[in-house]
Amino acid sequence: MLALVCTLVFAAAAAFAMFTIFVTMQGRKSQIATLFAEYRSLQRDRDYLVRITSHEAQAPRAFAAPQLRRTVRRMIKSVESSRPAASLRAAA
């Protein structure tokens, strides 16, 4: 009998909590709608900025500049690969 009473009290408390949540959500509906609208607006702004910044125009370069750049990169990579791994670990 005690278990039945406890179950009914627990069910009543859960129903009251659900009713309270529902009433609160109804009262705050306009604020929740405003938050969702702001979220969608921020998402659109983010998408717009990604779209704008991802389409950049290629800057005209001198004829020798790309080749010079590759040569320097190759030299740096060869120097880095020639260093022993132990010295890199010690430096870290």
PDB file of N, CA and C in Angstrom:
ATOM      1  N   MET A   1       0.824  -1.199   0.000  1.00  0.00           N
ATOM      2  CA  MET A   1       0.000   0.000   0.000  1.00  0.00           C
ATOM      3  C   MET A   1       0.867   1.261   0.000  1.00  0.00           C
ATOM      4  N   LEU A   2       1.930   1.223   0.789  1.00  0.00           N
ATOM      5  CA  LEU A   2       2.837   2.359   0.861  1.00  0.00           C
ATOM      6  C   LEU A   2       3.517   2.600  -0.492  1.00  0.00           C
ATOM      7  N   ALA A   3       3.851   1.503  -1.185  1.00  0.00           N
ATOM      8  CA  ALA A   3       4.480   1.629  -2.493  1.00  0.00           C
ATOM      9  C   ALA A   3       3.529   2.295  -3.490  1.00  0.00           C
ATOM     10  N   LEU A   4       2.263   1.974  -3.409  1.00  0.00           N
ATOM     11  CA  LEU A   4       1.270   2.579  -4.292  1.00  0.00           C
ATOM     12  C   LEU A   4       1.133   4.079  -4.022  1.00  0.00           C
ATOM     13  N   VAL A   5       1.105   4.456  -2.761  1.00  0.00           N
ATOM     14  CA  VAL A   5       1.005   5.870  -2.394  1.00  0.00           C
ATOM     15  C   VAL A   5       2.241   6.628  -2.877  1.00  0.00           C
ATOM     16  N   CYS A   6       3.416   6.035  -2.682  1.00  0.00           N
ATOM     17  CA  CYS A   6       4.657   6.675  -3.141  1.00  0.00           C
ATOM     18  C   CYS A   6       4.669   6.830  -4.661  1.00  0.00           C
ATOM     19  N   THR A   7       4.179   5.819  -5.354  1.00  0.00           N
ATOM     20  CA  THR A   7       4.110   5.889  -6.813  1.00  0.00           C
ATOM     21  C   THR A   7       3.164   6.996  -7.261  1.00  0.00           C
ATOM     22  N   LEU A   8       2.021   7.118  -6.607  1.00  0.00           N
ATOM     23  CA  LEU A   8       1.063   8.167  -6.958  1.00  0.00           C
ATOM     24  C   LEU A   8       1.629   9.563  -6.653  1.00  0.00           C
ATOM     25  N   VAL A   9       2.329   9.704  -5.533  1.00  0.00           N
ATOM     26  CA  VAL A   9       2.943  10.990  -5.191  1.00  0.00           C
ATOM     27  C   VAL A   9       4.005  11.342  -6.225  1.00  0.00           C
ATOM     28  N   PHE A  10       4.818  10.371  -6.602  1.00  0.00           N
ATOM     29  CA  PHE A  10       5.855  10.613  -7.605  1.00  0.00           C
ATOM     30  C   PHE A  10       5.239  10.979  -8.957  1.00  0.00           C
ATOM     31  N   ALA A  11       4.185  10.285  -9.363  1.00  0.00           N
ATOM     32  CA  ALA A  11       3.515  10.582 -10.630  1.00  0.00           C
ATOM     33  C   ALA A  11       2.885  11.971 -10.597  1.00  0.00           C
ATOM     34  N   ALA A  12       2.303  12.346  -9.452  1.00  0.00           N
ATOM     35  CA  ALA A  12       1.709  13.683  -9.330  1.00  0.00           C
ATOM     36  C   ALA A  12       2.781  14.759  -9.403  1.00  0.00           C
ATOM     37  N   ALA A  13       3.917  14.523  -8.768  1.00  0.00           N
ATOM     38  CA  ALA A  13       5.015  15.490  -8.820  1.00  0.00           C
ATOM     39  C   ALA A  13       5.548  15.626 -10.241  1.00  0.00           C
ATOM     40  N   ALA A  14       5.663  14.522 -10.960  1.00  0.00           N
ATOM     41  CA  ALA A  14       6.137  14.571 -12.346  1.00  0.00           C
ATOM     42  C   ALA A  14       5.141  15.306 -13.227  1.00  0.00           C
ATOM     43  N   ALA A  15       3.843  15.062 -13.029  1.00  0.00           N
ATOM     44  CA  ALA A  15       2.823  15.758 -13.816  1.00  0.00           C
ATOM     45  C   ALA A  15       2.839  17.250 -13.520  1.00  0.00           C
ATOM     46  N   PHE A  16       3.011  17.610 -12.251  1.00  0.00           N
ATOM     47  CA  PHE A  16       3.082  19.017 -11.887  1.00  0.00           C
ATOM     48  C   PHE A  16       4.310  19.673 -12.518  1.00  0.00           C
ATOM     49  N   ALA A  17       5.436  18.975 -12.533  1.00  0.00           N
ATOM     50  CA  ALA A  17       6.648  19.512 -13.148  1.00  0.00           C
ATOM     51  C   ALA A  17       6.452  19.712 -14.648  1.00  0.00           C
ATOM     52  N   MET A  18       5.825  18.757 -15.309  1.00  0.00           N
ATOM     53  CA  MET A  18       5.565  18.886 -16.750  1.00  0.00           C
ATOM     54  C   MET A  18       4.623  20.060 -17.025  1.00  0.00           C
ATOM     55  N   PHE A  19       3.593  20.218 -16.190  1.00  0.00           N
ATOM     56  CA  PHE A  19       2.656  21.330 -16.355  1.00  0.00           C
ATOM     57  C   PHE A  19       3.366  22.670 -16.154  1.00  0.00           C
ATOM     58  N   THR A  20       4.234  22.730 -15.155  1.00  0.00           N
ATOM     59  CA  THR A  20       4.987  23.956 -14.889  1.00  0.00           C
ATOM     60  C   THR A  20       5.901  24.302 -16.058  1.00  0.00           C
ATOM     61  N   ILE A  21       6.568  23.303 -16.613  1.00  0.00           N
ATOM     62  CA  ILE A  21       7.430  23.527 -17.775  1.00  0.00           C
ATOM     63  C   ILE A  21       6.602  24.037 -18.945  1.00  0.00           C
ATOM     64  N   PHE A  22       5.451  23.436 -19.183  1.00  0.00           N
ATOM     65  CA  PHE A  22       4.585  23.853 -20.287  1.00  0.00           C
ATOM     66  C   PHE A  22       4.128  25.300 -20.114  1.00  0.00           C
ATOM     67  N   VAL A  23       3.696  25.681 -18.916  1.00  0.00           N
ATOM     68  CA  VAL A  23       3.239  27.049 -18.658  1.00  0.00           C
ATOM     69  C   VAL A  23       4.395  28.033 -18.827  1.00  0.00           C
ATOM     70  N   THR A  24       5.576  27.675 -18.340  1.00  0.00           N
ATOM     71  CA  THR A  24       6.742  28.547 -18.482  1.00  0.00           C
ATOM     72  C   THR A  24       7.106  28.727 -19.952  1.00  0.00           C
ATOM     73  N   MET A  25       7.075  27.644 -20.715  1.00  0.00           N
ATOM     74  CA  MET A  25       7.409  27.734 -22.147  1.00  0.00           C
ATOM     75  C   MET A  25       6.395  28.600 -22.884  1.00  0.00           C
ATOM     76  N   GLN A  26       5.140  28.516 -22.518  1.00  0.00           N
ATOM     77  CA  GLN A  26       4.126  29.356 -23.157  1.00  0.00           C
ATOM     78  C   GLN A  26       4.370  30.832 -22.846  1.00  0.00           C
ATOM     79  N   GLY A  27       4.766  31.119 -21.621  1.00  0.00           N
ATOM     80  CA  GLY A  27       5.031  32.497 -21.233  1.00  0.00           C
ATOM     81  C   GLY A  27       6.278  33.058 -21.883  1.00  0.00           C
ATOM     82  N   ARG A  28       7.228  32.212 -22.179  1.00  0.00           N
ATOM     83  CA  ARG A  28       8.503  32.632 -22.765  1.00  0.00           C
ATOM     84  C   ARG A  28       8.576  32.362 -24.259  1.00  0.00           C
ATOM     85  N   LYS A  29       7.462  32.084 -24.891  1.00  0.00           N
ATOM     86  CA  LYS A  29       7.449  31.712 -26.307  1.00  0.00           C
ATOM     87  C   LYS A  29       8.077  32.791 -27.182  1.00  0.00           C
ATOM     88  N   SER A  30       7.764  34.058 -26.920  1.00  0.00           N
ATOM     89  CA  SER A  30       8.313  35.131 -27.747  1.00  0.00           C
ATOM     90  C   SER A  30       9.829  35.239 -27.574  1.00  0.00           C
ATOM     91  N   GLN A  31      10.313  35.053 -26.356  1.00  0.00           N
ATOM     92  CA  GLN A  31      11.761  35.108 -26.135  1.00  0.00           C
ATOM     93  C   GLN A  31      12.469  33.939 -26.812  1.00  0.00           C
ATOM     94  N   ILE A  32      11.854  32.772 -26.763  1.00  0.00           N
ATOM     95  CA  ILE A  32      12.444  31.597 -27.415  1.00  0.00           C
ATOM     96  C   ILE A  32      12.459  31.788 -28.927  1.00  0.00           C
ATOM     97  N   ALA A  33      11.377  32.329 -29.480  1.00  0.00           N
ATOM     98  CA  ALA A  33      11.329  32.592 -30.922  1.00  0.00           C
ATOM     99  C   ALA A  33      12.389  33.612 -31.316  1.00  0.00           C
ATOM    100  N   THR A  34      12.608  34.621 -30.479  1.00  0.00           N
ATOM    101  CA  THR A  34      13.643  35.623 -30.759  1.00  0.00           C
ATOM    102  C   THR A  34      15.027  34.986 -30.734  1.00  0.00           C
ATOM    103  N   LEU A  35      15.274  34.093 -29.786  1.00  0.00           N
ATOM    104  CA  LEU A  35      16.566  33.412 -29.730  1.00  0.00           C
ATOM    105  C   LEU A  35      16.805  32.549 -30.965  1.00  0.00           C
ATOM    106  N   PHE A  36      15.777  31.823 -31.403  1.00  0.00           N
ATOM    107  CA  PHE A  36      15.914  31.017 -32.619  1.00  0.00           C
ATOM    108  C   PHE A  36      16.152  31.896 -33.847  1.00  0.00           C
ATOM    109  N   ALA A  37      15.474  33.029 -33.922  1.00  0.00           N
ATOM    110  CA  ALA A  37      15.672  33.947 -35.048  1.00  0.00           C
ATOM    111  C   ALA A  37      17.098  34.498 -35.042  1.00  0.00           C
ATOM    112  N   GLU A  38      17.604  34.827 -33.873  1.00  0.00           N
ATOM    113  CA  GLU A  38      18.976  35.332 -33.775  1.00  0.00           C
ATOM    114  C   GLU A  38      19.976  34.251 -34.168  1.00  0.00           C
ATOM    115  N   TYR A  39      19.719  33.024 -33.742  1.00  0.00           N
ATOM    116  CA  TYR A  39      20.596  31.914 -34.120  1.00  0.00           C
ATOM    117  C   TYR A  39      20.623  31.727 -35.636  1.00  0.00           C
ATOM    118  N   ARG A  40      19.440  31.756 -36.268  1.00  0.00           N
ATOM    119  CA  ARG A  40      19.383  31.614 -37.724  1.00  0.00           C
ATOM    120  C   ARG A  40      20.086  32.775 -38.416  1.00  0.00           C
ATOM    121  N   SER A  41      19.944  33.982 -37.884  1.00  0.00           N
ATOM    122  CA  SER A  41      20.604  35.141 -38.458  1.00  0.00           C
ATOM    123  C   SER A  41      22.118  35.013 -38.365  1.00  0.00           C
ATOM    124  N   LEU A  42      22.608  34.576 -37.214  1.00  0.00           N
ATOM    125  CA  LEU A  42      24.048  34.376 -37.055  1.00  0.00           C
ATOM    126  C   LEU A  42      24.560  33.288 -37.992  1.00  0.00           C
ATOM    127  N   GLN A  43      23.772  32.237 -38.189  1.00  0.00           N
ATOM    128  CA  GLN A  43      24.167  31.170 -39.106  1.00  0.00           C
ATOM    129  C   GLN A  43      24.250  31.690 -40.541  1.00  0.00           C
ATOM    130  N   ARG A  44      23.275  32.505 -40.952  1.00  0.00           N
ATOM    131  CA  ARG A  44      23.309  33.094 -42.294  1.00  0.00           C
ATOM    132  C   ARG A  44      24.511  34.015 -42.447  1.00  0.00           C
ATOM    133  N   ASP A  45      24.812  34.809 -41.416  1.00  0.00           N
ATOM    134  CA  ASP A  45      25.983  35.690 -41.470  1.00  0.00           C
ATOM    135  C   ASP A  45      27.266  34.879 -41.606  1.00  0.00           C
ATOM    136  N   ARG A  46      27.359  33.793 -40.847  1.00  0.00           N
ATOM    137  CA  ARG A  46      28.531  32.937 -40.911  1.00  0.00           C
ATOM    138  C   ARG A  46      28.680  32.330 -42.299  1.00  0.00           C
ATOM    139  N   ASP A  47      27.586  31.835 -42.860  1.00  0.00           N
ATOM    140  CA  ASP A  47      27.637  31.253 -44.206  1.00  0.00           C
ATOM    141  C   ASP A  47      28.038  32.289 -45.237  1.00  0.00           C
ATOM    142  N   TYR A  48      27.517  33.504 -45.105  1.00  0.00           N
ATOM    143  CA  TYR A  48      27.843  34.579 -46.035  1.00  0.00           C
ATOM    144  C   TYR A  48      29.336  34.910 -45.952  1.00  0.00           C
ATOM    145  N   LEU A  49      29.873  35.019 -44.737  1.00  0.00           N
ATOM    146  CA  LEU A  49      31.287  35.341 -44.591  1.00  0.00           C
ATOM    147  C   LEU A  49      32.177  34.238 -45.149  1.00  0.00           C
ATOM    148  N   VAL A  50      31.781  32.996 -44.959  1.00  0.00           N
ATOM    149  CA  VAL A  50      32.559  31.890 -45.517  1.00  0.00           C
ATOM    150  C   VAL A  50      32.528  31.944 -47.036  1.00  0.00           C
ATOM    151  N   ARG A  51      31.364  32.237 -47.588  1.00  0.00           N
ATOM    152  CA  ARG A  51      31.245  32.303 -49.043  1.00  0.00           C
ATOM    153  C   ARG A  51      32.066  33.457 -49.607  1.00  0.00           C
ATOM    154  N   ILE A  52      32.031  34.602 -48.940  1.00  0.00           N
ATOM    155  CA  ILE A  52      32.774  35.763 -49.424  1.00  0.00           C
ATOM    156  C   ILE A  52      34.278  35.533 -49.323  1.00  0.00           C
ATOM    157  N   THR A  53      34.739  35.008 -48.210  1.00  0.00           N
ATOM    158  CA  THR A  53      36.177  34.850 -48.020  1.00  0.00           C
ATOM    159  C   THR A  53      36.751  33.650 -48.755  1.00  0.00           C
ATOM    160  N   SER A  54      35.942  32.711 -49.182  1.00  0.00           N
ATOM    161  CA  SER A  54      36.477  31.543 -49.869  1.00  0.00           C
ATOM    162  C   SER A  54      36.686  31.784 -51.359  1.00  0.00           C
ATOM    163  N   HIS A  55      36.144  32.862 -51.911  1.00  0.00           N
ATOM    164  CA  HIS A  55      36.311  33.165 -53.335  1.00  0.00           C
ATOM    165  C   HIS A  55      37.209  34.380 -53.476  1.00  0.00           C
ATOM    166  N   GLU A  56      38.498  34.162 -53.339  1.00  0.00           N
ATOM    167  CA  GLU A  56      39.416  35.281 -53.470  1.00  0.00           C
ATOM    168  C   GLU A  56      39.987  35.325 -54.876  1.00  0.00           C
ATOM    169  N   ALA A  57      40.277  36.496 -55.315  1.00  0.00           N
ATOM    170  CA  ALA A  57      40.862  36.665 -56.643  1.00  0.00           C
ATOM    171  C   ALA A  57      42.349  36.335 -56.573  1.00  0.00           C
ATOM    172  N   GLN A  58      42.858  35.721 -57.624  1.00  0.00           N
ATOM    173  CA  GLN A  58      44.271  35.406 -57.681  1.00  0.00           C
ATOM    174  C   GLN A  58      45.062  36.675 -57.959  1.00  0.00           C
ATOM    175  N   ALA A  59      46.060  36.924 -57.161  1.00  0.00           N
ATOM    176  CA  ALA A  59      46.894  38.106 -57.354  1.00  0.00           C
ATOM    177  C   ALA A  59      47.880  37.828 -58.476  1.00  0.00           C
ATOM    178  N   PRO A  60      48.051  38.763 -59.378  1.00  0.00           N
ATOM    179  CA  PRO A  60      49.035  38.560 -60.451  1.00  0.00           C
ATOM    180  C   PRO A  60      50.450  38.562 -59.861  1.00  0.00           C
ATOM    181  N   ARG A  61      51.258  37.615 -60.294  1.00  0.00           N
ATOM    182  CA  ARG A  61      52.622  37.496 -59.782  1.00  0.00           C
ATOM    183  C   ARG A  61      53.607  37.636 -60.923  1.00  0.00           C
ATOM    184  N   ALA A  62      54.808  37.958 -60.547  1.00  0.00           N
ATOM    185  CA  ALA A  62      55.875  38.027 -61.538  1.00  0.00           C
ATOM    186  C   ALA A  62      56.176  36.610 -62.027  1.00  0.00           C
ATOM    187  N   PHE A  63      56.766  36.507 -63.185  1.00  0.00           N
ATOM    188  CA  PHE A  63      57.013  35.211 -63.791  1.00  0.00           C
ATOM    189  C   PHE A  63      57.957  34.367 -62.942  1.00  0.00           C
ATOM    190  N   ALA A  64      58.984  34.940 -62.361  1.00  0.00           N
ATOM    191  CA  ALA A  64      59.989  34.182 -61.624  1.00  0.00           C
ATOM    192  C   ALA A  64      59.578  33.897 -60.182  1.00  0.00           C
ATOM    193  N   ALA A  65      58.587  34.586 -59.668  1.00  0.00           N
ATOM    194  CA  ALA A  65      58.233  34.453 -58.254  1.00  0.00           C
ATOM    195  C   ALA A  65      57.784  33.041 -57.875  1.00  0.00           C
ATOM    196  N   PRO A  66      56.894  32.372 -58.610  1.00  0.00           N
ATOM    197  CA  PRO A  66      56.481  31.025 -58.167  1.00  0.00           C
ATOM    198  C   PRO A  66      57.640  30.028 -58.150  1.00  0.00           C
ATOM    199  N   GLN A  67      58.508  30.076 -59.155  1.00  0.00           N
ATOM    200  CA  GLN A  67      59.633  29.151 -59.208  1.00  0.00           C
ATOM    201  C   GLN A  67      60.599  29.403 -58.053  1.00  0.00           C
ATOM    202  N   LEU A  68      60.852  30.647 -57.753  1.00  0.00           N
ATOM    203  CA  LEU A  68      61.739  31.005 -56.658  1.00  0.00           C
ATOM    204  C   LEU A  68      61.172  30.497 -55.332  1.00  0.00           C
ATOM    205  N   ARG A  69      59.903  30.622 -55.185  1.00  0.00           N
ATOM    206  CA  ARG A  69      59.236  30.187 -53.964  1.00  0.00           C
ATOM    207  C   ARG A  69      59.357  28.674 -53.790  1.00  0.00           C
ATOM    208  N   ARG A  70      59.168  27.912 -54.861  1.00  0.00           N
ATOM    209  CA  ARG A  70      59.281  26.457 -54.776  1.00  0.00           C
ATOM    210  C   ARG A  70      60.704  26.044 -54.423  1.00  0.00           C
ATOM    211  N   THR A  71      61.688  26.738 -55.000  1.00  0.00           N
ATOM    212  CA  THR A  71      63.083  26.408 -54.727  1.00  0.00           C
ATOM    213  C   THR A  71      63.393  26.619 -53.250  1.00  0.00           C
ATOM    214  N   VAL A  72      62.917  27.715 -52.681  1.00  0.00           N
ATOM    215  CA  VAL A  72      63.170  27.985 -51.263  1.00  0.00           C
ATOM    216  C   VAL A  72      62.483  26.940 -50.402  1.00  0.00           C
ATOM    217  N   ARG A  73      61.272  26.559 -50.756  1.00  0.00           N
ATOM    218  CA  ARG A  73      60.568  25.528 -49.984  1.00  0.00           C
ATOM    219  C   ARG A  73      61.320  24.205 -50.024  1.00  0.00           C
ATOM    220  N   ARG A  74      61.829  23.844 -51.209  1.00  0.00           N
ATOM    221  CA  ARG A  74      62.567  22.589 -51.335  1.00  0.00           C
ATOM    222  C   ARG A  74      63.828  22.624 -50.474  1.00  0.00           C
ATOM    223  N   MET A  75      64.499  23.764 -50.459  1.00  0.00           N
ATOM    224  CA  MET A  75      65.708  23.874 -49.654  1.00  0.00           C
ATOM    225  C   MET A  75      65.378  23.733 -48.175  1.00  0.00           C
ATOM    226  N   ILE A  76      64.303  24.371 -47.730  1.00  0.00           N
ATOM    227  CA  ILE A  76      63.917  24.300 -46.322  1.00  0.00           C
ATOM    228  C   ILE A  76      63.526  22.873 -45.952  1.00  0.00           C
ATOM    229  N   LYS A  77      62.760  22.207 -46.824  1.00  0.00           N
ATOM    230  CA  LYS A  77      62.348  20.837 -46.539  1.00  0.00           C
ATOM    231  C   LYS A  77      63.553  19.906 -46.482  1.00  0.00           C
ATOM    232  N   SER A  78      64.521  20.092 -47.366  1.00  0.00           N
ATOM    233  CA  SER A  78      65.687  19.213 -47.347  1.00  0.00           C
ATOM    234  C   SER A  78      66.518  19.431 -46.088  1.00  0.00           C
ATOM    235  N   VAL A  79      66.616  20.676 -45.627  1.00  0.00           N
ATOM    236  CA  VAL A  79      67.356  20.948 -44.395  1.00  0.00           C
ATOM    237  C   VAL A  79      66.635  20.335 -43.210  1.00  0.00           C
ATOM    238  N   GLU A  80      65.306  20.471 -43.163  1.00  0.00           N
ATOM    239  CA  GLU A  80      64.536  19.912 -42.055  1.00  0.00           C
ATOM    240  C   GLU A  80      64.608  18.392 -42.036  1.00  0.00           C
ATOM    241  N   SER A  81      64.594  17.767 -43.212  1.00  0.00           N
ATOM    242  CA  SER A  81      64.629  16.308 -43.249  1.00  0.00           C
ATOM    243  C   SER A  81      66.003  15.764 -42.934  1.00  0.00           C
ATOM    244  N   SER A  82      67.058  16.571 -43.121  1.00  0.00           N
ATOM    245  CA  SER A  82      68.404  16.092 -42.840  1.00  0.00           C
ATOM    246  C   SER A  82      68.736  16.145 -41.357  1.00  0.00           C
ATOM    247  N   ARG A  83      67.987  16.900 -40.548  1.00  0.00           N
ATOM    248  CA  ARG A  83      68.236  16.972 -39.113  1.00  0.00           C
ATOM    249  C   ARG A  83      67.813  15.666 -38.446  1.00  0.00           C
ATOM    250  N   PRO A  84      68.585  15.204 -37.506  1.00  0.00           N
ATOM    251  CA  PRO A  84      68.178  13.968 -36.799  1.00  0.00           C
ATOM    252  C   PRO A  84      66.975  14.237 -35.903  1.00  0.00           C
ATOM    253  N   ALA A  85      66.197  13.214 -35.703  1.00  0.00           N
ATOM    254  CA  ALA A  85      64.967  13.348 -34.901  1.00  0.00           C
ATOM    255  C   ALA A  85      65.289  13.607 -33.435  1.00  0.00           C
ATOM    256  N   ALA A  86      66.418  13.128 -32.962  1.00  0.00           N
ATOM    257  CA  ALA A  86      66.777  13.315 -31.545  1.00  0.00           C
ATOM    258  C   ALA A  86      66.984  14.791 -31.238  1.00  0.00           C
ATOM    259  N   SER A  87      67.625  15.524 -32.161  1.00  0.00           N
ATOM    260  CA  SER A  87      67.845  16.957 -31.891  1.00  0.00           C
ATOM    261  C   SER A  87      66.521  17.723 -31.895  1.00  0.00           C
ATOM    262  N   LEU A  88      65.572  17.273 -32.705  1.00  0.00           N
ATOM    263  CA  LEU A  88      64.257  17.931 -32.713  1.00  0.00           C
ATOM    264  C   LEU A  88      63.542  17.668 -31.403  1.00  0.00           C
ATOM    265  N   ARG A  89      63.665  16.454 -30.888  1.00  0.00           N
ATOM    266  CA  ARG A  89      63.010  16.137 -29.622  1.00  0.00           C
ATOM    267  C   ARG A  89      63.649  16.919 -28.471  1.00  0.00           C
ATOM    268  N   ALA A  90      64.952  17.075 -28.516  1.00  0.00           N
ATOM    269  CA  ALA A  90      65.638  17.808 -27.460  1.00  0.00           C
ATOM    270  C   ALA A  90      65.265  19.280 -27.489  1.00  0.00           C
ATOM    271  N   ALA A  91      65.051  19.827 -28.680  1.00  0.00           N
ATOM    272  CA  ALA A  91      64.673  21.233 -28.801  1.00  0.00           C
ATOM    273  C   ALA A  91      63.261  21.477 -28.304  1.00  0.00           C
ATOM    274  N   ALA A  92      62.413  20.479 -28.431  1.00  0.00           N
ATOM    275  CA  ALA A  92      61.030  20.657 -27.997  1.00  0.00           C
ATOM    276  C   ALA A  92      60.984  20.641 -26.506  1.00  0.00           C
TER     277      ALA A  92
END
